[in-house]
């Protein structure tokens, strides 16, 4: 099967493209520039790599035709963020592909209500990202129900892997939080530290896409959560990270509005987004229908990412 992967050199594509090649697929990797994947793999030598500026092509109405002209049997879109972008590609691919797979997000659910959240729970998204992704999901699954496009939507959590900083125990992306825990320093957490984050290793996301692709009858017209087996609380996460460095976590719990005064506005906004959602999602549907089985727990995925960063950027404790 010829599989076109849009956004192939990013976090997920780094692991997905080699998995597809190893499964025997012919892969066309579409990316905006010649950026190399986060990890080297010999499979990339057997991949056709194509450069395309999606934004520029979409502004002319040409991106869907560009992908269609690559003559794919299946398309995996990892970097679609607006309903208009999804519609342009879907309309060009109707009747032309066996399978279309879209990368969504668990933030389509908005705040958690009954946990673990299952895929059939109501969509009450907030914020531009989650709201747009929910609209894309609704559109693509409606297309599948009408027999117009055989679409599947996979919803990852907070993606973790080599080469980038994970969402930290404060719910933002400040590397200094890991450094403070590594040195045994006091770390303030918002509220009582009981809000949750739900990570997933990028390779487990890649696994899910490959399994969905090979499970056509079970996956078309469906959406699936793709996360680790369990979410973690901010408090539990902080305690685990400190323990990796032989430290005890010294945590101070501060009401959010007071807490935000001690961090940058960017960090405060990221934390608010994460704790307001507090995702905690079920993977039972993906396990049952796709055979999805993540290799990494949330903490194992984060620890691997930190070890990689320590090797490339120096000791975490020095951040």
C-alpha atoms as a PDB file:
ATOM      1  CA  UNK A   1       0.000   0.000   0.000  1.00  0.00           C
ATOM      2  CA  UNK A   2       1.271   3.470  -0.835  1.00  0.00           C
ATOM      3  CA  UNK A   3       0.870   5.603   2.282  1.00  0.00           C
ATOM      4  CA  UNK A   4       1.321   9.358   2.150  1.00  0.00           C
ATOM      5  CA  UNK A   5       2.241  10.824   5.543  1.00  0.00           C
ATOM      6  CA  UNK A   6       1.677  14.573   5.874  1.00  0.00           C
ATOM      7  CA  UNK A   7       3.964  16.072   8.517  1.00  0.00           C
ATOM      8  CA  UNK A   8       6.284  13.096   8.324  1.00  0.00           C
ATOM      9  CA  UNK A   9       9.415  14.538   9.933  1.00  0.00           C
ATOM     10  CA  UNK A  10       7.711  15.707  13.130  1.00  0.00           C
ATOM     11  CA  UNK A  11       7.293  14.066  16.525  1.00  0.00           C
ATOM     12  CA  UNK A  12       4.936  11.271  15.477  1.00  0.00           C
ATOM     13  CA  UNK A  13       6.272  10.868  11.948  1.00  0.00           C
ATOM     14  CA  UNK A  14       9.764  10.179  13.286  1.00  0.00           C
ATOM     15  CA  UNK A  15       8.459   6.875  14.644  1.00  0.00           C
ATOM     16  CA  UNK A  16       5.552   6.284  12.271  1.00  0.00           C
ATOM     17  CA  UNK A  17       7.432   6.302   8.964  1.00  0.00           C
ATOM     18  CA  UNK A  18       9.888   3.529   9.962  1.00  0.00           C
ATOM     19  CA  UNK A  19       6.991   1.435  11.340  1.00  0.00           C
ATOM     20  CA  UNK A  20       5.129   1.740   8.041  1.00  0.00           C
ATOM     21  CA  UNK A  21       8.206   0.782   6.035  1.00  0.00           C
ATOM     22  CA  UNK A  22       8.793  -2.245   8.267  1.00  0.00           C
ATOM     23  CA  UNK A  23       5.162  -3.268   7.688  1.00  0.00           C
ATOM     24  CA  UNK A  24       5.904  -3.406   3.957  1.00  0.00           C
ATOM     25  CA  UNK A  25       4.218  -0.164   2.881  1.00  0.00           C
ATOM     26  CA  UNK A  26       5.561   2.202   0.256  1.00  0.00           C
ATOM     27  CA  UNK A  27       5.831   5.531   2.078  1.00  0.00           C
ATOM     28  CA  UNK A  28       5.766   9.049   0.699  1.00  0.00           C
ATOM     29  CA  UNK A  29       6.862  11.450   3.432  1.00  0.00           C
ATOM     30  CA  UNK A  30       5.551  15.007   2.983  1.00  0.00           C
ATOM     31  CA  UNK A  31       7.091  17.804   5.042  1.00  0.00           C
ATOM     32  CA  UNK A  32       7.535  21.534   4.695  1.00  0.00           C
ATOM     33  CA  UNK A  33      11.322  21.482   4.502  1.00  0.00           C
ATOM     34  CA  UNK A  34      14.288  19.154   4.722  1.00  0.00           C
ATOM     35  CA  UNK A  35      14.241  18.920   8.507  1.00  0.00           C
ATOM     36  CA  UNK A  36      15.538  15.554   9.604  1.00  0.00           C
ATOM     37  CA  UNK A  37      13.422  13.313  11.880  1.00  0.00           C
ATOM     38  CA  UNK A  38      14.206  13.326  15.577  1.00  0.00           C
ATOM     39  CA  UNK A  39      15.742   9.852  15.389  1.00  0.00           C
ATOM     40  CA  UNK A  40      17.800   8.228  12.666  1.00  0.00           C
ATOM     41  CA  UNK A  41      16.511   4.954  11.245  1.00  0.00           C
ATOM     42  CA  UNK A  42      17.683   2.979   8.207  1.00  0.00           C
ATOM     43  CA  UNK A  43      14.091   2.749   6.970  1.00  0.00           C
ATOM     44  CA  UNK A  44      14.237   6.423   5.941  1.00  0.00           C
ATOM     45  CA  UNK A  45      16.552   5.367   3.112  1.00  0.00           C
ATOM     46  CA  UNK A  46      13.594   3.591   1.499  1.00  0.00           C
ATOM     47  CA  UNK A  47      11.201   6.527   1.766  1.00  0.00           C
ATOM     48  CA  UNK A  48      10.292   9.025  -0.936  1.00  0.00           C
ATOM     49  CA  UNK A  49      10.580  12.458   0.637  1.00  0.00           C
ATOM     50  CA  UNK A  50       8.576  15.350  -0.788  1.00  0.00           C
ATOM     51  CA  UNK A  51       8.703  19.002   0.261  1.00  0.00           C
ATOM     52  CA  UNK A  52       5.508  21.062   0.328  1.00  0.00           C
ATOM     53  CA  UNK A  53       4.494  24.291   2.030  1.00  0.00           C
ATOM     54  CA  UNK A  54       0.992  23.336   3.108  1.00  0.00           C
ATOM     55  CA  UNK A  55      -0.056  26.832   4.092  1.00  0.00           C
ATOM     56  CA  UNK A  56       0.975  28.328   0.767  1.00  0.00           C
ATOM     57  CA  UNK A  57      -0.645  25.535  -1.244  1.00  0.00           C
ATOM     58  CA  UNK A  58      -3.859  25.742   0.798  1.00  0.00           C
ATOM     59  CA  UNK A  59      -4.078  29.484   0.261  1.00  0.00           C
ATOM     60  CA  UNK A  60      -4.257  28.754  -3.481  1.00  0.00           C
ATOM     61  CA  UNK A  61      -6.648  25.824  -2.982  1.00  0.00           C
ATOM     62  CA  UNK A  62      -4.015  23.402  -4.299  1.00  0.00           C
ATOM     63  CA  UNK A  63      -2.941  21.277  -1.333  1.00  0.00           C
ATOM     64  CA  UNK A  64      -5.635  18.621  -1.685  1.00  0.00           C
ATOM     65  CA  UNK A  65      -4.802  18.156  -5.350  1.00  0.00           C
ATOM     66  CA  UNK A  66      -1.092  18.036  -4.512  1.00  0.00           C
ATOM     67  CA  UNK A  67      -1.633  15.104  -2.116  1.00  0.00           C
ATOM     68  CA  UNK A  68      -4.092  13.397  -4.471  1.00  0.00           C
ATOM     69  CA  UNK A  69      -1.545  13.555  -7.301  1.00  0.00           C
ATOM     70  CA  UNK A  70       0.907  11.538  -5.183  1.00  0.00           C
ATOM     71  CA  UNK A  71      -1.498   8.660  -5.945  1.00  0.00           C
ATOM     72  CA  UNK A  72      -1.916   7.386  -2.381  1.00  0.00           C
ATOM     73  CA  UNK A  73      -3.833   4.321  -1.252  1.00  0.00           C
ATOM     74  CA  UNK A  74      -3.951   5.816   2.235  1.00  0.00           C
ATOM     75  CA  UNK A  75      -3.207   9.247   3.700  1.00  0.00           C
ATOM     76  CA  UNK A  76      -2.174   9.962   7.289  1.00  0.00           C
ATOM     77  CA  UNK A  77      -2.512  13.642   8.154  1.00  0.00           C
ATOM     78  CA  UNK A  78      -0.534  14.581  11.254  1.00  0.00           C
ATOM     79  CA  UNK A  79      -0.636  18.383  10.953  1.00  0.00           C
ATOM     80  CA  UNK A  80      -4.196  19.517  10.232  1.00  0.00           C
ATOM     81  CA  UNK A  81      -5.517  22.136  12.652  1.00  0.00           C
ATOM     82  CA  UNK A  82      -8.541  23.833  11.069  1.00  0.00           C
ATOM     83  CA  UNK A  83     -11.814  22.555   9.600  1.00  0.00           C
ATOM     84  CA  UNK A  84     -11.082  24.418   6.363  1.00  0.00           C
ATOM     85  CA  UNK A  85      -7.761  22.616   6.009  1.00  0.00           C
ATOM     86  CA  UNK A  86      -9.413  19.244   6.643  1.00  0.00           C
ATOM     87  CA  UNK A  87     -12.207  19.942   4.184  1.00  0.00           C
ATOM     88  CA  UNK A  88      -9.866  20.920   1.359  1.00  0.00           C
ATOM     89  CA  UNK A  89      -7.926  17.685   1.676  1.00  0.00           C
ATOM     90  CA  UNK A  90     -10.978  15.475   2.193  1.00  0.00           C
ATOM     91  CA  UNK A  91     -12.781  16.849  -0.850  1.00  0.00           C
ATOM     92  CA  UNK A  92      -9.773  16.142  -3.054  1.00  0.00           C
ATOM     93  CA  UNK A  93      -9.457  12.569  -1.764  1.00  0.00           C
ATOM     94  CA  UNK A  94     -13.102  11.436  -2.013  1.00  0.00           C
ATOM     95  CA  UNK A  95     -13.269   8.261  -4.021  1.00  0.00           C
ATOM     96  CA  UNK A  96      -9.494   8.217  -4.404  1.00  0.00           C
ATOM     97  CA  UNK A  97      -8.155   6.579  -1.222  1.00  0.00           C
ATOM     98  CA  UNK A  98      -8.851   3.412   0.730  1.00  0.00           C
ATOM     99  CA  UNK A  99      -8.232   5.039   4.098  1.00  0.00           C
ATOM    100  CA  UNK A 100      -7.772   8.530   5.513  1.00  0.00           C
ATOM    101  CA  UNK A 101      -6.390   8.898   9.044  1.00  0.00           C
ATOM    102  CA  UNK A 102      -6.365  12.171  10.957  1.00  0.00           C
ATOM    103  CA  UNK A 103      -4.414  13.089  14.105  1.00  0.00           C
ATOM    104  CA  UNK A 104      -6.775  14.733  16.601  1.00  0.00           C
ATOM    105  CA  UNK A 105      -6.354  15.413  20.338  1.00  0.00           C
ATOM    106  CA  UNK A 106      -7.928  14.345  23.607  1.00  0.00           C
ATOM    107  CA  UNK A 107      -8.717  18.035  24.153  1.00  0.00           C
ATOM    108  CA  UNK A 108     -11.825  17.592  21.980  1.00  0.00           C
ATOM    109  CA  UNK A 109     -13.544  16.602  25.250  1.00  0.00           C
ATOM    110  CA  UNK A 110     -12.911  19.867  27.064  1.00  0.00           C
ATOM    111  CA  UNK A 111     -12.814  19.446  30.845  1.00  0.00           C
ATOM    112  CA  UNK A 112     -13.060  15.946  32.283  1.00  0.00           C
ATOM    113  CA  UNK A 113     -16.370  14.884  33.806  1.00  0.00           C
ATOM    114  CA  UNK A 114     -16.585  11.102  34.221  1.00  0.00           C
ATOM    115  CA  UNK A 115     -13.150   9.492  34.231  1.00  0.00           C
ATOM    116  CA  UNK A 116     -11.542   7.749  32.594  1.00  0.00           C
ATOM    117  CA  UNK A 117     -13.130   9.582  29.672  1.00  0.00           C
ATOM    118  CA  UNK A 118     -14.417   7.345  26.892  1.00  0.00           C
ATOM    119  CA  UNK A 119     -14.753   8.258  23.238  1.00  0.00           C
ATOM    120  CA  UNK A 120     -18.561   8.327  23.374  1.00  0.00           C
ATOM    121  CA  UNK A 121     -18.713  11.149  25.922  1.00  0.00           C
ATOM    122  CA  UNK A 122     -20.032  14.535  24.802  1.00  0.00           C
ATOM    123  CA  UNK A 123     -17.699  17.025  23.152  1.00  0.00           C
ATOM    124  CA  UNK A 124     -17.528  20.276  25.098  1.00  0.00           C
ATOM    125  CA  UNK A 125     -14.218  21.703  23.878  1.00  0.00           C
ATOM    126  CA  UNK A 126     -12.856  25.109  24.803  1.00  0.00           C
ATOM    127  CA  UNK A 127      -9.951  27.028  23.387  1.00  0.00           C
ATOM    128  CA  UNK A 128      -9.164  27.361  19.688  1.00  0.00           C
ATOM    129  CA  UNK A 129      -7.114  24.178  19.377  1.00  0.00           C
ATOM    130  CA  UNK A 130      -9.568  21.765  20.974  1.00  0.00           C
ATOM    131  CA  UNK A 131     -12.585  23.446  19.386  1.00  0.00           C
ATOM    132  CA  UNK A 132     -11.137  23.228  15.878  1.00  0.00           C
ATOM    133  CA  UNK A 133     -10.090  19.630  16.364  1.00  0.00           C
ATOM    134  CA  UNK A 134     -13.610  18.710  17.540  1.00  0.00           C
ATOM    135  CA  UNK A 135     -15.064  20.313  14.409  1.00  0.00           C
ATOM    136  CA  UNK A 136     -12.606  18.383  12.237  1.00  0.00           C
ATOM    137  CA  UNK A 137     -13.521  15.129  13.979  1.00  0.00           C
ATOM    138  CA  UNK A 138     -17.256  15.734  13.497  1.00  0.00           C
ATOM    139  CA  UNK A 139     -16.764  16.572   9.831  1.00  0.00           C
ATOM    140  CA  UNK A 140     -14.555  13.573   9.010  1.00  0.00           C
ATOM    141  CA  UNK A 141     -16.708  11.035  10.846  1.00  0.00           C
ATOM    142  CA  UNK A 142     -19.810  12.420   9.112  1.00  0.00           C
ATOM    143  CA  UNK A 143     -18.019  11.964   5.783  1.00  0.00           C
ATOM    144  CA  UNK A 144     -17.289   8.361   6.732  1.00  0.00           C
ATOM    145  CA  UNK A 145     -20.903   7.663   7.756  1.00  0.00           C
ATOM    146  CA  UNK A 146     -22.124   8.980   4.413  1.00  0.00           C
ATOM    147  CA  UNK A 147     -19.689   6.734   2.550  1.00  0.00           C
ATOM    148  CA  UNK A 148     -17.843   9.722   1.114  1.00  0.00           C
ATOM    149  CA  UNK A 149     -14.449   9.229   2.787  1.00  0.00           C
ATOM    150  CA  UNK A 150     -13.202   6.207   4.796  1.00  0.00           C
ATOM    151  CA  UNK A 151     -11.881   8.254   7.709  1.00  0.00           C
ATOM    152  CA  UNK A 152     -10.466   7.401  11.146  1.00  0.00           C
ATOM    153  CA  UNK A 153      -9.515   9.895  13.875  1.00  0.00           C
ATOM    154  CA  UNK A 154      -6.900   9.157  16.535  1.00  0.00           C
ATOM    155  CA  UNK A 155      -6.736  11.403  19.610  1.00  0.00           C
ATOM    156  CA  UNK A 156      -3.290  11.494  21.275  1.00  0.00           C
ATOM    157  CA  UNK A 157      -2.592  12.943  24.695  1.00  0.00           C
ATOM    158  CA  UNK A 158       0.488  15.017  25.597  1.00  0.00           C
ATOM    159  CA  UNK A 159       3.039  13.594  23.176  1.00  0.00           C
ATOM    160  CA  UNK A 160       6.474  12.748  24.593  1.00  0.00           C
ATOM    161  CA  UNK A 161       9.636  11.553  22.907  1.00  0.00           C
ATOM    162  CA  UNK A 162      13.255  12.269  22.196  1.00  0.00           C
ATOM    163  CA  UNK A 163      14.134  15.805  21.252  1.00  0.00           C
ATOM    164  CA  UNK A 164      11.648  17.996  23.079  1.00  0.00           C
ATOM    165  CA  UNK A 165      10.658  19.012  26.610  1.00  0.00           C
ATOM    166  CA  UNK A 166       7.620  17.174  28.044  1.00  0.00           C
ATOM    167  CA  UNK A 167       4.701  18.835  29.772  1.00  0.00           C
ATOM    168  CA  UNK A 168       6.147  19.157  33.284  1.00  0.00           C
ATOM    169  CA  UNK A 169       4.653  18.652  36.775  1.00  0.00           C
ATOM    170  CA  UNK A 170       3.406  22.251  36.827  1.00  0.00           C
ATOM    171  CA  UNK A 171       1.512  21.632  33.595  1.00  0.00           C
ATOM    172  CA  UNK A 172       3.721  23.835  31.395  1.00  0.00           C
ATOM    173  CA  UNK A 173       6.907  23.474  29.344  1.00  0.00           C
ATOM    174  CA  UNK A 174       9.487  25.242  31.528  1.00  0.00           C
ATOM    175  CA  UNK A 175      12.617  23.001  31.725  1.00  0.00           C
ATOM    176  CA  UNK A 176      13.597  24.663  35.024  1.00  0.00           C
ATOM    177  CA  UNK A 177      10.815  22.739  36.782  1.00  0.00           C
ATOM    178  CA  UNK A 178      12.672  19.475  36.187  1.00  0.00           C
ATOM    179  CA  UNK A 179      15.908  21.108  37.335  1.00  0.00           C
ATOM    180  CA  UNK A 180      14.338  22.255  40.595  1.00  0.00           C
ATOM    181  CA  UNK A 181      13.096  18.747  41.356  1.00  0.00           C
ATOM    182  CA  UNK A 182      16.479  17.253  40.436  1.00  0.00           C
ATOM    183  CA  UNK A 183      18.209  19.577  42.926  1.00  0.00           C
ATOM    184  CA  UNK A 184      15.689  18.959  45.691  1.00  0.00           C
ATOM    185  CA  UNK A 185      14.456  22.559  45.689  1.00  0.00           C
ATOM    186  CA  UNK A 186      10.979  23.607  46.720  1.00  0.00           C
ATOM    187  CA  UNK A 187       8.509  23.591  43.844  1.00  0.00           C
ATOM    188  CA  UNK A 188       5.189  25.439  44.025  1.00  0.00           C
ATOM    189  CA  UNK A 189       2.268  23.620  42.395  1.00  0.00           C
ATOM    190  CA  UNK A 190      -1.081  25.182  41.561  1.00  0.00           C
ATOM    191  CA  UNK A 191      -3.996  24.340  43.867  1.00  0.00           C
ATOM    192  CA  UNK A 192      -3.521  20.923  45.522  1.00  0.00           C
ATOM    193  CA  UNK A 193      -1.559  19.317  42.688  1.00  0.00           C
ATOM    194  CA  UNK A 194      -4.394  16.868  42.027  1.00  0.00           C
ATOM    195  CA  UNK A 195      -5.176  17.917  38.453  1.00  0.00           C
ATOM    196  CA  UNK A 196      -4.054  15.430  35.838  1.00  0.00           C
ATOM    197  CA  UNK A 197      -2.000  15.257  32.656  1.00  0.00           C
ATOM    198  CA  UNK A 198      -2.049  12.304  30.272  1.00  0.00           C
ATOM    199  CA  UNK A 199       1.115  11.705  28.287  1.00  0.00           C
ATOM    200  CA  UNK A 200       1.785   9.282  25.459  1.00  0.00           C
ATOM    201  CA  UNK A 201       5.056   8.297  23.844  1.00  0.00           C
ATOM    202  CA  UNK A 202       5.284   9.288  20.175  1.00  0.00           C
ATOM    203  CA  UNK A 203       6.123   5.698  19.263  1.00  0.00           C
ATOM    204  CA  UNK A 204       2.901   4.506  20.878  1.00  0.00           C
ATOM    205  CA  UNK A 205       0.989   7.039  18.780  1.00  0.00           C
ATOM    206  CA  UNK A 206       2.775   5.657  15.731  1.00  0.00           C
ATOM    207  CA  UNK A 207       1.805   2.143  16.797  1.00  0.00           C
ATOM    208  CA  UNK A 208      -1.844   3.172  16.950  1.00  0.00           C
ATOM    209  CA  UNK A 209      -1.805   4.630  13.451  1.00  0.00           C
ATOM    210  CA  UNK A 210      -0.281   1.452  12.030  1.00  0.00           C
ATOM    211  CA  UNK A 211      -2.839  -0.699  13.844  1.00  0.00           C
ATOM    212  CA  UNK A 212      -5.723   1.480  12.647  1.00  0.00           C
ATOM    213  CA  UNK A 213      -4.421   1.288   9.091  1.00  0.00           C
ATOM    214  CA  UNK A 214      -4.338  -2.507   9.241  1.00  0.00           C
ATOM    215  CA  UNK A 215      -7.772  -2.735  10.914  1.00  0.00           C
ATOM    216  CA  UNK A 216      -9.863  -1.027   8.229  1.00  0.00           C
ATOM    217  CA  UNK A 217     -13.234  -2.520   9.064  1.00  0.00           C
ATOM    218  CA  UNK A 218     -12.847  -1.788  12.795  1.00  0.00           C
ATOM    219  CA  UNK A 219     -11.432   1.713  12.466  1.00  0.00           C
ATOM    220  CA  UNK A 220     -13.248   3.487   9.620  1.00  0.00           C
ATOM    221  CA  UNK A 221     -15.841   5.901  10.951  1.00  0.00           C
ATOM    222  CA  UNK A 222     -14.426   5.701  14.482  1.00  0.00           C
ATOM    223  CA  UNK A 223     -12.298   7.811  16.799  1.00  0.00           C
ATOM    224  CA  UNK A 224      -9.869   6.432  19.370  1.00  0.00           C
ATOM    225  CA  UNK A 225      -7.941   7.760  22.354  1.00  0.00           C
ATOM    226  CA  UNK A 226      -4.199   7.164  22.079  1.00  0.00           C
ATOM    227  CA  UNK A 227      -2.621   7.705  25.482  1.00  0.00           C
ATOM    228  CA  UNK A 228      -0.637   5.821  28.111  1.00  0.00           C
ATOM    229  CA  UNK A 229      -2.507   3.363  30.341  1.00  0.00           C
ATOM    230  CA  UNK A 230      -2.954   5.945  33.126  1.00  0.00           C
ATOM    231  CA  UNK A 231      -2.946   9.696  33.614  1.00  0.00           C
ATOM    232  CA  UNK A 232      -0.843  11.156  36.439  1.00  0.00           C
ATOM    233  CA  UNK A 233      -1.589  13.907  38.944  1.00  0.00           C
ATOM    234  CA  UNK A 234       0.756  16.880  39.041  1.00  0.00           C
ATOM    235  CA  UNK A 235       1.708  15.946  42.584  1.00  0.00           C
ATOM    236  CA  UNK A 236       2.429  12.304  41.776  1.00  0.00           C
ATOM    237  CA  UNK A 237       4.368  13.350  38.698  1.00  0.00           C
ATOM    238  CA  UNK A 238       6.556  15.753  40.692  1.00  0.00           C
ATOM    239  CA  UNK A 239       7.256  13.134  43.343  1.00  0.00           C
ATOM    240  CA  UNK A 240       8.290  10.614  40.697  1.00  0.00           C
ATOM    241  CA  UNK A 241      10.653  13.029  38.933  1.00  0.00           C
ATOM    242  CA  UNK A 242      12.353  13.973  42.207  1.00  0.00           C
ATOM    243  CA  UNK A 243      12.763  10.297  43.006  1.00  0.00           C
ATOM    244  CA  UNK A 244      14.618   9.673  39.739  1.00  0.00           C
ATOM    245  CA  UNK A 245      17.353  11.966  41.042  1.00  0.00           C
ATOM    246  CA  UNK A 246      17.400  10.447  44.509  1.00  0.00           C
ATOM    247  CA  UNK A 247      15.506  13.392  45.995  1.00  0.00           C
ATOM    248  CA  UNK A 248      12.356  13.900  47.981  1.00  0.00           C
ATOM    249  CA  UNK A 249       9.921  16.313  46.374  1.00  0.00           C
ATOM    250  CA  UNK A 250       9.496  19.491  48.416  1.00  0.00           C
ATOM    251  CA  UNK A 251       6.162  20.777  47.192  1.00  0.00           C
ATOM    252  CA  UNK A 252       4.193  23.868  48.136  1.00  0.00           C
ATOM    253  CA  UNK A 253       0.560  24.154  47.120  1.00  0.00           C
ATOM    254  CA  UNK A 254      -0.663  27.589  46.103  1.00  0.00           C
ATOM    255  CA  UNK A 255      -4.071  28.786  44.807  1.00  0.00           C
ATOM    256  CA  UNK A 256      -3.775  29.184  41.053  1.00  0.00           C
ATOM    257  CA  UNK A 257      -4.256  32.963  40.903  1.00  0.00           C
ATOM    258  CA  UNK A 258      -1.503  33.431  43.470  1.00  0.00           C
ATOM    259  CA  UNK A 259       0.698  30.779  41.846  1.00  0.00           C
ATOM    260  CA  UNK A 260       0.559  32.391  38.414  1.00  0.00           C
ATOM    261  CA  UNK A 261       2.171  35.540  39.789  1.00  0.00           C
ATOM    262  CA  UNK A 262       5.440  33.638  40.227  1.00  0.00           C
ATOM    263  CA  UNK A 263       5.795  32.397  36.639  1.00  0.00           C
ATOM    264  CA  UNK A 264       5.800  33.891  33.158  1.00  0.00           C
ATOM    265  CA  UNK A 265       2.488  34.628  31.457  1.00  0.00           C
ATOM    266  CA  UNK A 266       3.275  31.988  28.842  1.00  0.00           C
ATOM    267  CA  UNK A 267       3.840  29.351  31.536  1.00  0.00           C
ATOM    268  CA  UNK A 268       0.696  30.403  33.411  1.00  0.00           C
ATOM    269  CA  UNK A 269      -1.439  30.122  30.268  1.00  0.00           C
ATOM    270  CA  UNK A 270      -0.029  26.672  29.449  1.00  0.00           C
ATOM    271  CA  UNK A 271      -0.662  25.479  32.999  1.00  0.00           C
ATOM    272  CA  UNK A 272      -4.212  26.813  32.980  1.00  0.00           C
ATOM    273  CA  UNK A 273      -4.938  25.002  29.711  1.00  0.00           C
ATOM    274  CA  UNK A 274      -3.653  21.733  31.131  1.00  0.00           C
ATOM    275  CA  UNK A 275      -5.282  21.863  34.545  1.00  0.00           C
ATOM    276  CA  UNK A 276      -8.581  23.156  33.174  1.00  0.00           C
ATOM    277  CA  UNK A 277      -8.731  20.094  30.922  1.00  0.00           C
ATOM    278  CA  UNK A 278      -7.196  17.630  33.431  1.00  0.00           C
ATOM    279  CA  UNK A 279      -7.442  14.804  30.892  1.00  0.00           C
ATOM    280  CA  UNK A 280      -7.794  11.215  32.043  1.00  0.00           C
ATOM    281  CA  UNK A 281      -8.771   9.067  29.063  1.00  0.00           C
ATOM    282  CA  UNK A 282      -9.621   5.423  28.506  1.00  0.00           C
ATOM    283  CA  UNK A 283      -7.827   3.313  25.887  1.00  0.00           C
ATOM    284  CA  UNK A 284     -10.153   0.317  26.164  1.00  0.00           C
ATOM    285  CA  UNK A 285     -11.772   0.976  22.783  1.00  0.00           C
ATOM    286  CA  UNK A 286      -8.399   1.117  21.023  1.00  0.00           C
ATOM    287  CA  UNK A 287      -7.275  -2.011  22.849  1.00  0.00           C
ATOM    288  CA  UNK A 288     -10.420  -3.915  21.921  1.00  0.00           C
ATOM    289  CA  UNK A 289     -10.819  -2.869  18.294  1.00  0.00           C
ATOM    290  CA  UNK A 290      -7.242  -2.156  17.194  1.00  0.00           C
ATOM    291  CA  UNK A 291      -5.113  -4.248  19.523  1.00  0.00           C
ATOM    292  CA  UNK A 292      -3.400  -1.080  20.720  1.00  0.00           C
ATOM    293  CA  UNK A 293      -1.109  -1.729  23.675  1.00  0.00           C
ATOM    294  CA  UNK A 294       1.209   1.123  24.698  1.00  0.00           C
ATOM    295  CA  UNK A 295       4.780   0.168  25.534  1.00  0.00           C
ATOM    296  CA  UNK A 296       5.262   3.155  27.826  1.00  0.00           C
ATOM    297  CA  UNK A 297       3.537   4.419  30.936  1.00  0.00           C
ATOM    298  CA  UNK A 298       3.303   8.193  31.253  1.00  0.00           C
ATOM    299  CA  UNK A 299       6.291   8.318  33.587  1.00  0.00           C
ATOM    300  CA  UNK A 300       8.406   5.950  31.478  1.00  0.00           C
ATOM    301  CA  UNK A 301       7.800   8.120  28.416  1.00  0.00           C
ATOM    302  CA  UNK A 302       8.768  11.300  30.281  1.00  0.00           C
ATOM    303  CA  UNK A 303      11.868   9.714  31.778  1.00  0.00           C
ATOM    304  CA  UNK A 304      13.125   8.617  28.359  1.00  0.00           C
ATOM    305  CA  UNK A 305      12.636  12.148  27.034  1.00  0.00           C
ATOM    306  CA  UNK A 306      14.553  13.645  29.979  1.00  0.00           C
ATOM    307  CA  UNK A 307      17.423  11.201  29.544  1.00  0.00           C
ATOM    308  CA  UNK A 308      17.655  12.170  25.883  1.00  0.00           C
ATOM    309  CA  UNK A 309      17.667  15.871  26.743  1.00  0.00           C
ATOM    310  CA  UNK A 310      20.297  15.310  29.417  1.00  0.00           C
ATOM    311  CA  UNK A 311      22.571  13.676  26.847  1.00  0.00           C
ATOM    312  CA  UNK A 312      22.133  16.436  24.281  1.00  0.00           C
ATOM    313  CA  UNK A 313      21.857  19.559  26.444  1.00  0.00           C
ATOM    314  CA  UNK A 314      23.702  18.704  29.636  1.00  0.00           C
ATOM    315  CA  UNK A 315      22.522  17.635  33.050  1.00  0.00           C
ATOM    316  CA  UNK A 316      18.852  18.257  33.819  1.00  0.00           C
ATOM    317  CA  UNK A 317      19.823  19.501  37.247  1.00  0.00           C
ATOM    318  CA  UNK A 318      21.638  22.374  35.552  1.00  0.00           C
ATOM    319  CA  UNK A 319      18.597  23.693  33.686  1.00  0.00           C
END
